[in-house]
Protein backbone atom coordinates (compact mmCIF):
# COMPACT_ATOMS: atom_id res chain seq x y z
CA UNK A 1 25.55 -222.56 -76.33
CA UNK A 2 28.27 -221.79 -73.92
CA UNK A 3 29.49 -224.16 -71.31
CA UNK A 4 29.20 -223.17 -67.65
CA UNK A 5 28.95 -224.90 -64.23
CA UNK A 6 26.26 -224.95 -61.48
CA UNK A 7 27.18 -224.97 -57.82
CA UNK A 8 24.52 -225.37 -55.26
CA UNK A 9 25.81 -224.13 -52.12
CA UNK A 10 22.97 -225.09 -49.88
CA UNK A 11 22.67 -222.93 -46.82
CA UNK A 12 25.51 -220.78 -46.35
CA UNK A 13 26.57 -217.47 -44.27
CA UNK A 14 26.44 -214.36 -46.47
CA UNK A 15 30.11 -213.78 -45.89
CA UNK A 16 31.38 -217.09 -46.63
CA UNK A 17 29.38 -217.00 -49.89
CA UNK A 18 30.71 -213.53 -50.91
CA UNK A 19 34.39 -214.90 -50.36
CA UNK A 20 33.44 -217.84 -52.58
CA UNK A 21 32.21 -215.43 -55.30
CA UNK A 22 35.23 -213.47 -55.16
CA UNK A 23 37.42 -216.55 -55.45
CA UNK A 24 35.69 -217.84 -58.33
CA UNK A 25 35.63 -214.60 -60.05
CA UNK A 26 39.36 -214.23 -60.00
CA UNK A 27 39.72 -217.71 -61.35
CA UNK A 28 37.16 -216.88 -64.19
CA UNK A 29 39.21 -213.67 -64.98
CA UNK A 30 42.33 -215.66 -65.39
CA UNK A 31 40.43 -218.21 -67.66
CA UNK A 32 40.82 -221.24 -65.22
CA UNK A 33 37.28 -222.03 -65.14
CA UNK A 34 34.14 -221.59 -67.24
CA UNK A 35 31.15 -219.32 -66.20
CA UNK A 36 29.56 -220.21 -62.97
CA UNK A 37 26.15 -220.11 -61.40
CA UNK A 38 25.94 -220.20 -57.65
CA UNK A 39 22.64 -221.10 -55.74
CA UNK A 40 22.37 -220.40 -52.08
CA UNK A 41 20.03 -220.01 -49.14
CA UNK A 42 21.35 -217.46 -46.68
CA UNK A 43 20.71 -216.99 -42.78
CA UNK A 44 18.56 -213.65 -42.19
CA UNK A 45 20.80 -210.82 -43.21
CA UNK A 46 20.27 -207.09 -44.60
CA UNK A 47 22.96 -205.99 -47.20
CA UNK A 48 23.71 -202.52 -48.08
CA UNK A 49 24.86 -201.89 -51.55
CA UNK A 50 26.72 -198.91 -52.81
CA UNK A 51 23.73 -197.16 -54.15
CA UNK A 52 22.88 -195.99 -50.58
CA UNK A 53 26.06 -194.09 -50.69
CA UNK A 54 26.94 -195.21 -47.01
CA UNK A 55 23.60 -193.80 -45.89
CA UNK A 56 21.67 -196.02 -43.26
CA UNK A 57 18.48 -194.23 -43.84
CA UNK A 58 16.63 -197.15 -45.14
CA UNK A 59 17.56 -199.36 -42.48
CA UNK A 60 14.64 -199.16 -40.09
CA UNK A 61 15.14 -201.74 -37.18
CA UNK A 62 17.99 -200.92 -34.65
CA UNK A 63 20.70 -203.27 -33.81
CA UNK A 64 18.72 -204.67 -30.71
CA UNK A 65 15.75 -205.25 -32.91
CA UNK A 66 17.74 -206.88 -35.51
CA UNK A 67 19.57 -209.07 -32.88
CA UNK A 68 16.17 -210.18 -31.36
CA UNK A 69 15.21 -211.18 -35.07
CA UNK A 70 18.50 -212.95 -35.60
CA UNK A 71 19.41 -210.76 -38.51
CA UNK A 72 22.90 -209.69 -39.35
CA UNK A 73 24.01 -206.56 -41.42
CA UNK A 74 26.68 -206.27 -44.18
CA UNK A 75 27.98 -203.46 -46.18
CA UNK A 76 28.60 -204.88 -49.70
CA UNK A 77 30.09 -203.78 -52.94
CA UNK A 78 27.22 -204.46 -55.35
CA UNK A 79 24.92 -201.70 -56.75
CA UNK A 80 21.61 -200.83 -55.34
CA UNK A 81 20.40 -199.92 -51.82
CA UNK A 82 19.48 -202.12 -49.02
CA UNK A 83 17.87 -205.62 -49.32
CA UNK A 84 17.20 -208.71 -47.25
CA UNK A 85 18.28 -212.31 -47.67
CA UNK A 86 16.87 -215.18 -45.56
CA UNK A 87 15.51 -218.48 -45.38
CA UNK A 88 12.92 -219.40 -47.94
CA UNK A 89 14.62 -217.14 -50.50
CA UNK A 90 16.60 -218.48 -53.65
CA UNK A 91 19.70 -216.52 -54.04
CA UNK A 92 21.54 -216.71 -57.29
CA UNK A 93 25.09 -215.48 -58.14
CA UNK A 94 25.87 -215.70 -61.68
CA UNK A 95 29.60 -215.16 -62.06
CA UNK A 96 30.09 -214.56 -65.91
CA UNK A 97 32.56 -213.10 -68.23
CA UNK A 98 30.30 -210.48 -70.00
CA UNK A 99 32.75 -210.30 -72.84
CA UNK A 100 30.88 -213.29 -73.98
CA UNK A 101 27.64 -211.65 -73.72
CA UNK A 102 28.04 -208.17 -75.24
CA UNK A 103 29.73 -206.25 -72.50
CA UNK A 104 26.40 -204.64 -71.59
CA UNK A 105 25.69 -204.30 -68.00
CA UNK A 106 21.99 -203.08 -68.68
CA UNK A 107 21.29 -205.77 -70.98
CA UNK A 108 22.61 -208.35 -68.29
CA UNK A 109 20.24 -207.00 -65.80
CA UNK A 110 17.31 -207.23 -68.22
CA UNK A 111 18.35 -210.75 -69.15
CA UNK A 112 18.29 -211.82 -65.22
CA UNK A 113 14.73 -210.22 -64.86
CA UNK A 114 13.88 -212.08 -68.16
CA UNK A 115 14.87 -215.36 -66.85
CA UNK A 116 13.01 -214.83 -63.41
CA UNK A 117 9.83 -213.68 -65.13
CA UNK A 118 9.81 -216.87 -67.33
CA UNK A 119 10.38 -219.05 -64.44
CA UNK A 120 7.43 -217.49 -62.38
CA UNK A 121 5.29 -217.91 -65.46
CA UNK A 122 5.94 -221.79 -65.40
CA UNK A 123 4.31 -221.57 -61.69
CA UNK A 124 1.42 -219.62 -63.07
CA UNK A 125 2.56 -216.33 -61.64
CA UNK A 126 2.40 -213.19 -64.08
CA UNK A 127 5.22 -211.18 -63.27
CA UNK A 128 7.14 -208.21 -65.03
CA UNK A 129 9.16 -205.20 -64.77
CA UNK A 130 8.58 -201.88 -63.19
CA UNK A 131 10.88 -199.13 -64.82
CA UNK A 132 13.19 -197.57 -63.74
CA UNK A 133 13.36 -200.02 -60.72
CA UNK A 134 15.38 -202.93 -61.41
CA UNK A 135 13.82 -206.36 -60.44
CA UNK A 136 10.84 -208.40 -60.82
CA UNK A 137 7.31 -207.36 -59.84
CA UNK A 138 3.91 -208.97 -59.37
CA UNK A 139 1.66 -205.90 -59.66
CA UNK A 140 3.26 -203.15 -57.22
CA UNK A 141 4.97 -205.57 -55.21
CA UNK A 142 8.48 -206.84 -55.54
CA UNK A 143 8.99 -210.52 -55.80
CA UNK A 144 12.63 -210.65 -56.77
CA UNK A 145 15.66 -208.12 -56.32
CA UNK A 146 18.51 -207.78 -58.31
CA UNK A 147 21.85 -206.10 -57.47
CA UNK A 148 25.03 -206.90 -59.12
CA UNK A 149 28.67 -205.79 -59.63
CA UNK A 150 30.92 -206.08 -62.58
CA UNK A 151 34.79 -205.74 -62.35
CA UNK A 152 36.83 -206.32 -65.43
CA UNK A 153 33.48 -207.59 -66.93
CA UNK A 154 33.28 -210.58 -64.56
CA UNK A 155 29.93 -210.31 -62.70
CA UNK A 156 29.32 -210.90 -59.02
CA UNK A 157 26.28 -210.91 -56.76
CA UNK A 158 23.05 -211.25 -58.55
CA UNK A 159 19.33 -212.11 -57.71
CA UNK A 160 17.00 -213.10 -54.74
CA UNK A 161 13.82 -214.69 -55.56
CA UNK A 162 11.36 -214.79 -52.70
CA UNK A 163 9.90 -218.17 -52.57
CA UNK A 164 8.65 -218.36 -49.21
CA UNK A 165 10.36 -216.27 -46.88
CA UNK A 166 9.49 -214.56 -43.61
CA UNK A 167 8.02 -211.42 -45.15
CA UNK A 168 8.01 -209.69 -41.88
CA UNK A 169 11.72 -209.24 -41.92
CA UNK A 170 11.24 -206.85 -44.89
CA UNK A 171 9.71 -204.46 -42.31
CA UNK A 172 12.93 -204.02 -40.88
CA UNK A 173 14.21 -202.04 -44.00
CA UNK A 174 12.90 -199.95 -46.93
CA UNK A 175 13.76 -202.36 -49.68
CA UNK A 176 16.03 -200.87 -52.30
CA UNK A 177 14.84 -197.43 -50.86
CA UNK A 178 11.50 -197.71 -52.79
CA UNK A 179 9.00 -196.43 -50.03
CA UNK A 180 5.67 -196.62 -51.81
CA UNK A 181 6.10 -200.33 -53.06
CA UNK A 182 5.57 -203.67 -51.18
CA UNK A 183 7.11 -207.05 -51.40
CA UNK A 184 5.71 -210.27 -52.09
CA UNK A 185 6.63 -214.14 -52.41
CA UNK A 186 5.65 -216.97 -54.59
CA UNK A 187 4.00 -218.78 -51.45
CA UNK A 188 1.75 -215.50 -50.94
CA UNK A 189 0.74 -215.24 -54.61
CA UNK A 190 -0.06 -218.75 -54.99
CA UNK A 191 -1.61 -219.41 -51.64
CA UNK A 192 0.22 -222.43 -51.00
CA UNK A 193 3.89 -223.36 -49.86
CA UNK A 194 6.50 -223.69 -52.36
CA UNK A 195 9.95 -225.14 -52.01
CA UNK A 196 13.32 -224.03 -53.05
CA UNK A 197 13.87 -227.52 -54.42
CA UNK A 198 10.80 -226.93 -56.57
CA UNK A 199 12.16 -223.58 -57.88
CA UNK A 200 15.60 -224.20 -58.45
CA UNK A 201 15.62 -226.44 -61.56
CA UNK A 202 13.02 -224.02 -63.16
CA UNK A 203 15.38 -221.06 -62.50
CA UNK A 204 18.20 -222.76 -63.82
CA UNK A 205 16.43 -223.82 -66.96
CA UNK A 206 15.27 -220.24 -67.87
CA UNK A 207 18.82 -218.76 -67.02
CA UNK A 208 20.25 -221.41 -69.45
CA UNK A 209 17.95 -220.39 -72.15
CA UNK A 210 18.24 -216.66 -71.81
CA UNK A 211 21.97 -216.70 -71.41
CA UNK A 212 22.65 -219.68 -73.74
CA UNK A 213 24.76 -221.46 -71.19
CA UNK A 214 24.73 -225.20 -70.53
CA UNK A 215 25.11 -225.26 -66.74
CA UNK A 216 26.68 -228.74 -65.54
CA UNK A 217 26.54 -229.45 -61.86
CA UNK A 218 29.53 -229.81 -60.08
CA UNK A 219 30.75 -229.53 -56.32
CA UNK A 220 32.29 -226.48 -54.79
CA UNK A 221 35.27 -228.34 -53.72
CA UNK A 222 35.76 -229.75 -57.21
CA UNK A 223 35.53 -226.21 -58.85
CA UNK A 224 37.69 -224.56 -56.25
CA UNK A 225 40.37 -227.42 -56.48
CA UNK A 226 40.27 -227.06 -60.30
CA UNK A 227 40.80 -223.15 -59.93
CA UNK A 228 43.62 -223.39 -57.23
C-alpha cells in the first residue's frame, strides 16, 4: 500500500482549484509530497477539453443564457470534450505519479471507472462502462464523467460524479460531444436525496482499494506549506 494524502477543498471556484492542481503536481514531480487526492465542489461551470480541438459546436447555450443561469466557461488542458461541473457534483482530482502504477494512462482511466462503479454499487446502483466512451454509465445515461491529463507521468484533472446536481444545466451542452446519450445522477436513480458527505468516504475507500493508496486527510495549507 502506497502512502497518499486526501485534501477536501470544500466549495472552490474552478480556476482556483486548477491552480492548486498545478502547484501540487509540480511538488509531486519534485518528490516533495506523496500522491494527492483532491475533492471539491465547484460553482456552475462548463469546461472544454482538448478533445474538442477548439470547437464550440457542443456548447449549446449562448453567453447570455449562461450568464442567466450563473454558469461560467473555461477552456482547459485535459482530454475529452465539453463537460459540466456544479453544486451537488463530487469532483475528484487524483494527482498521482503514474511511474508507481505502470505508466499506463488507459489503465489509469479504467481504474478510475472501476472505483466509481464499486462506490455506486455500495449505494445499490448498478453502473458500468460504455466503450469506447470513457466514464461511468447507468444504462445509456452517464453518471460520472472522466477527463484527465498526464504530464511527465503526473496526473491532473479527474472525475465528476453526479450525486445531486441540477441536471437541467447539462441541457446547455452536448456532454462530452455524445449526442444520443443522456445524463443522470445518484439522486435521480435512487429517487431520494443524497449528499456529498455521504458519498465522499465511499468513493475515497474504493479509490484507495483500487489504487492501493492509503489516503491520509490533511489540510490544503499544510500540504502547500510542506511543498513550498
